[in-house]
Amino acid sequence: MNEYEEQAVSYIMEGKCEKVGFGSYRLGELNALDALYALSILNLLDINFKDESTVAYLKSLQNIYGSYSIIYSTFYGGIPTHENT
């Protein structure tokens, strides 16, 4: 992994919420889009990272066809936010 990839992974992991998900503001507040992007980037960088609670949360937001409601994909910063439970 090169220096930039290491920095990206470090930044992503700093945004990991305590119990579930990721948030870009480091406040421990889950943000669906941040979580989706974080897992996607870690996967693209071939990082062996498992977070079943975040995967379950994201799956709970999907419709029956596997896509997400327009409300989860149109707002910058991601909707919904969720208490870190």
N, C-alpha and C. Protein backbone atom coordinates (compact mmCIF):
# COMPACT_ATOMS: atom_id res chain seq x y z
N MET A 1 0.84 -1.16 0.00
CA MET A 1 0.00 0.00 0.00
C MET A 1 0.90 1.24 0.00
N ASN A 2 0.55 2.21 -0.84
CA ASN A 2 1.37 3.42 -0.89
C ASN A 2 0.95 4.41 0.19
N GLU A 3 1.70 5.49 0.30
CA GLU A 3 1.48 6.48 1.35
C GLU A 3 0.07 7.08 1.30
N TYR A 4 -0.44 7.34 0.11
CA TYR A 4 -1.76 7.96 -0.03
C TYR A 4 -2.87 6.99 0.36
N GLU A 5 -2.69 5.74 0.02
CA GLU A 5 -3.67 4.73 0.41
C GLU A 5 -3.67 4.56 1.93
N GLU A 6 -2.49 4.57 2.53
CA GLU A 6 -2.40 4.48 3.99
C GLU A 6 -3.09 5.66 4.66
N GLN A 7 -2.91 6.85 4.11
CA GLN A 7 -3.56 8.03 4.66
C GLN A 7 -5.07 7.93 4.52
N ALA A 8 -5.53 7.41 3.39
CA ALA A 8 -6.97 7.26 3.18
C ALA A 8 -7.56 6.27 4.18
N VAL A 9 -6.90 5.15 4.38
CA VAL A 9 -7.37 4.14 5.33
C VAL A 9 -7.38 4.72 6.74
N SER A 10 -6.35 5.45 7.10
CA SER A 10 -6.27 6.07 8.42
C SER A 10 -7.43 7.05 8.62
N TYR A 11 -7.69 7.87 7.62
CA TYR A 11 -8.78 8.84 7.69
C TYR A 11 -10.14 8.13 7.85
N ILE A 12 -10.34 7.10 7.06
CA ILE A 12 -11.59 6.35 7.14
C ILE A 12 -11.76 5.73 8.52
N MET A 13 -10.74 5.11 9.02
CA MET A 13 -10.84 4.42 10.31
C MET A 13 -11.03 5.40 11.47
N GLU A 14 -10.53 6.62 11.33
CA GLU A 14 -10.77 7.65 12.35
C GLU A 14 -12.25 8.00 12.43
N GLY A 15 -12.99 7.78 11.35
CA GLY A 15 -14.41 8.08 11.31
C GLY A 15 -15.30 6.93 11.75
N LYS A 16 -14.68 5.83 12.16
CA LYS A 16 -15.46 4.66 12.61
C LYS A 16 -16.17 5.01 13.91
N CYS A 17 -17.47 4.82 13.92
CA CYS A 17 -18.26 5.05 15.13
C CYS A 17 -18.03 3.88 16.09
N GLU A 18 -18.26 4.13 17.34
CA GLU A 18 -17.94 3.14 18.37
C GLU A 18 -18.66 1.81 18.18
N LYS A 19 -19.97 1.86 17.90
CA LYS A 19 -20.73 0.61 17.83
C LYS A 19 -21.09 0.18 16.41
N VAL A 20 -21.41 1.14 15.58
CA VAL A 20 -21.83 0.80 14.22
C VAL A 20 -21.59 1.99 13.30
N GLY A 21 -21.08 1.70 12.12
CA GLY A 21 -21.00 2.69 11.07
C GLY A 21 -19.81 3.63 11.08
N PHE A 22 -19.93 4.63 10.22
CA PHE A 22 -18.90 5.64 10.01
C PHE A 22 -19.57 6.99 9.90
N GLY A 23 -18.84 8.02 10.29
CA GLY A 23 -19.31 9.39 10.14
C GLY A 23 -18.14 10.26 9.77
N SER A 24 -18.35 11.22 8.92
CA SER A 24 -17.25 12.04 8.44
C SER A 24 -16.82 13.13 9.40
N TYR A 25 -17.63 13.41 10.41
CA TYR A 25 -17.31 14.52 11.30
C TYR A 25 -16.69 14.09 12.61
N ARG A 26 -16.41 12.83 12.80
CA ARG A 26 -15.74 12.31 13.99
C ARG A 26 -16.52 12.57 15.28
N LEU A 27 -17.83 12.69 15.16
CA LEU A 27 -18.65 12.97 16.33
C LEU A 27 -19.34 11.72 16.85
N GLY A 28 -19.04 10.58 16.25
CA GLY A 28 -19.67 9.34 16.67
C GLY A 28 -21.09 9.19 16.16
N GLU A 29 -21.45 9.98 15.16
CA GLU A 29 -22.79 9.92 14.60
C GLU A 29 -22.77 9.19 13.26
N LEU A 30 -23.49 8.09 13.20
CA LEU A 30 -23.55 7.30 11.97
C LEU A 30 -24.17 8.10 10.84
N ASN A 31 -23.60 7.97 9.68
CA ASN A 31 -24.08 8.61 8.48
C ASN A 31 -24.09 7.53 7.40
N ALA A 32 -25.25 7.25 6.84
CA ALA A 32 -25.39 6.12 5.91
C ALA A 32 -24.46 6.23 4.71
N LEU A 33 -24.38 7.39 4.09
CA LEU A 33 -23.50 7.51 2.91
C LEU A 33 -22.04 7.39 3.28
N ASP A 34 -21.65 7.98 4.41
CA ASP A 34 -20.26 7.83 4.85
C ASP A 34 -19.92 6.37 5.09
N ALA A 35 -20.85 5.64 5.70
CA ALA A 35 -20.62 4.21 5.97
C ALA A 35 -20.48 3.44 4.66
N LEU A 36 -21.36 3.71 3.73
CA LEU A 36 -21.31 3.03 2.43
C LEU A 36 -20.00 3.33 1.70
N TYR A 37 -19.60 4.60 1.68
CA TYR A 37 -18.35 4.98 1.03
C TYR A 37 -17.15 4.38 1.74
N ALA A 38 -17.16 4.40 3.06
CA ALA A 38 -16.03 3.86 3.82
C ALA A 38 -15.83 2.38 3.51
N LEU A 39 -16.91 1.61 3.56
CA LEU A 39 -16.79 0.17 3.28
C LEU A 39 -16.37 -0.07 1.83
N SER A 40 -16.89 0.74 0.92
CA SER A 40 -16.54 0.59 -0.49
C SER A 40 -15.06 0.88 -0.74
N ILE A 41 -14.55 1.95 -0.14
CA ILE A 41 -13.14 2.31 -0.32
C ILE A 41 -12.24 1.26 0.29
N LEU A 42 -12.57 0.80 1.50
CA LEU A 42 -11.75 -0.25 2.12
C LEU A 42 -11.74 -1.50 1.25
N ASN A 43 -12.87 -1.83 0.67
CA ASN A 43 -12.95 -2.98 -0.23
C ASN A 43 -12.10 -2.76 -1.48
N LEU A 44 -12.17 -1.57 -2.08
CA LEU A 44 -11.38 -1.26 -3.27
C LEU A 44 -9.88 -1.33 -2.99
N LEU A 45 -9.49 -0.95 -1.77
CA LEU A 45 -8.08 -1.00 -1.40
C LEU A 45 -7.67 -2.39 -0.90
N ASP A 46 -8.60 -3.33 -0.98
CA ASP A 46 -8.34 -4.71 -0.60
C ASP A 46 -7.96 -4.84 0.88
N ILE A 47 -8.62 -4.03 1.72
CA ILE A 47 -8.41 -4.07 3.17
C ILE A 47 -9.36 -5.11 3.74
N ASN A 48 -8.83 -6.03 4.50
CA ASN A 48 -9.65 -7.07 5.11
C ASN A 48 -10.31 -6.50 6.37
N PHE A 49 -11.46 -5.87 6.19
CA PHE A 49 -12.18 -5.23 7.28
C PHE A 49 -13.59 -5.78 7.32
N LYS A 50 -13.99 -6.27 8.47
CA LYS A 50 -15.33 -6.83 8.63
C LYS A 50 -16.08 -6.00 9.66
N ASP A 51 -17.27 -5.57 9.31
CA ASP A 51 -18.13 -4.82 10.22
C ASP A 51 -19.57 -5.21 9.93
N GLU A 52 -19.97 -6.33 10.48
CA GLU A 52 -21.29 -6.88 10.19
C GLU A 52 -22.43 -5.96 10.64
N SER A 53 -22.22 -5.21 11.74
CA SER A 53 -23.29 -4.33 12.21
C SER A 53 -23.54 -3.19 11.23
N THR A 54 -22.49 -2.66 10.62
CA THR A 54 -22.67 -1.61 9.63
C THR A 54 -23.30 -2.17 8.36
N VAL A 55 -22.87 -3.34 7.94
CA VAL A 55 -23.45 -3.98 6.77
C VAL A 55 -24.94 -4.23 7.01
N ALA A 56 -25.30 -4.72 8.19
CA ALA A 56 -26.70 -4.97 8.52
C ALA A 56 -27.50 -3.67 8.50
N TYR A 57 -26.92 -2.61 9.04
CA TYR A 57 -27.61 -1.31 9.03
C TYR A 57 -27.85 -0.84 7.59
N LEU A 58 -26.82 -0.91 6.76
CA LEU A 58 -26.98 -0.46 5.37
C LEU A 58 -27.99 -1.33 4.62
N LYS A 59 -27.97 -2.63 4.87
CA LYS A 59 -28.95 -3.51 4.22
C LYS A 59 -30.37 -3.18 4.66
N SER A 60 -30.52 -2.75 5.91
CA SER A 60 -31.86 -2.41 6.40
C SER A 60 -32.44 -1.19 5.69
N LEU A 61 -31.60 -0.39 5.06
CA LEU A 61 -32.05 0.80 4.34
C LEU A 61 -32.38 0.52 2.88
N GLN A 62 -31.97 -0.65 2.39
CA GLN A 62 -32.18 -0.98 0.98
C GLN A 62 -33.64 -1.34 0.72
N ASN A 63 -34.09 -1.05 -0.50
CA ASN A 63 -35.41 -1.53 -0.89
C ASN A 63 -35.29 -2.97 -1.39
N ILE A 64 -36.37 -3.56 -1.79
CA ILE A 64 -36.36 -4.99 -2.15
C ILE A 64 -35.49 -5.29 -3.36
N TYR A 65 -35.16 -4.27 -4.16
CA TYR A 65 -34.33 -4.47 -5.35
C TYR A 65 -32.85 -4.21 -5.08
N GLY A 66 -32.52 -3.84 -3.85
CA GLY A 66 -31.12 -3.62 -3.48
C GLY A 66 -30.64 -2.18 -3.60
N SER A 67 -31.46 -1.30 -4.13
CA SER A 67 -31.06 0.10 -4.22
C SER A 67 -31.55 0.84 -2.98
N TYR A 68 -31.21 2.11 -2.89
CA TYR A 68 -31.58 2.92 -1.74
C TYR A 68 -32.60 3.96 -2.15
N SER A 69 -33.44 4.31 -1.22
CA SER A 69 -34.43 5.35 -1.45
C SER A 69 -33.73 6.63 -1.89
N ILE A 70 -34.40 7.42 -2.69
CA ILE A 70 -33.82 8.66 -3.19
C ILE A 70 -33.37 9.56 -2.04
N ILE A 71 -34.05 9.52 -0.91
CA ILE A 71 -33.68 10.38 0.21
C ILE A 71 -32.30 10.02 0.75
N TYR A 72 -31.86 8.78 0.62
CA TYR A 72 -30.55 8.37 1.11
C TYR A 72 -29.45 8.68 0.12
N SER A 73 -29.79 9.00 -1.09
CA SER A 73 -28.75 9.17 -2.10
C SER A 73 -28.67 10.58 -2.68
N THR A 74 -29.56 11.50 -2.30
CA THR A 74 -29.53 12.82 -2.93
C THR A 74 -28.96 13.91 -2.05
N PHE A 75 -28.96 13.74 -0.76
CA PHE A 75 -28.49 14.79 0.12
C PHE A 75 -27.00 14.65 0.38
N TYR A 76 -26.27 15.71 0.24
CA TYR A 76 -24.85 15.70 0.55
C TYR A 76 -24.68 15.42 2.03
N GLY A 77 -23.73 14.57 2.37
CA GLY A 77 -23.48 14.25 3.77
C GLY A 77 -24.25 13.05 4.24
N GLY A 78 -25.24 12.62 3.52
CA GLY A 78 -25.90 11.38 3.83
C GLY A 78 -27.05 11.49 4.81
N ILE A 79 -28.09 10.85 4.45
CA ILE A 79 -29.25 10.73 5.30
C ILE A 79 -29.55 9.25 5.37
N PRO A 80 -29.92 8.67 6.42
CA PRO A 80 -30.19 9.29 7.70
C PRO A 80 -28.96 9.28 8.59
N THR A 81 -29.00 10.09 9.58
CA THR A 81 -28.04 9.94 10.64
C THR A 81 -28.72 9.09 11.69
N HIS A 82 -27.97 8.52 12.55
CA HIS A 82 -28.50 7.54 13.48
C HIS A 82 -27.68 7.58 14.75
N GLU A 83 -28.32 7.56 15.88
CA GLU A 83 -27.54 7.52 17.11
C GLU A 83 -26.69 6.28 17.13
N ASN A 84 -25.56 6.36 17.73
CA ASN A 84 -24.59 5.27 17.75
C ASN A 84 -25.07 4.16 18.69
N THR A 85 -26.06 3.40 18.22
CA THR A 85 -26.62 2.32 19.04
C THR A 85 -26.37 0.98 18.42
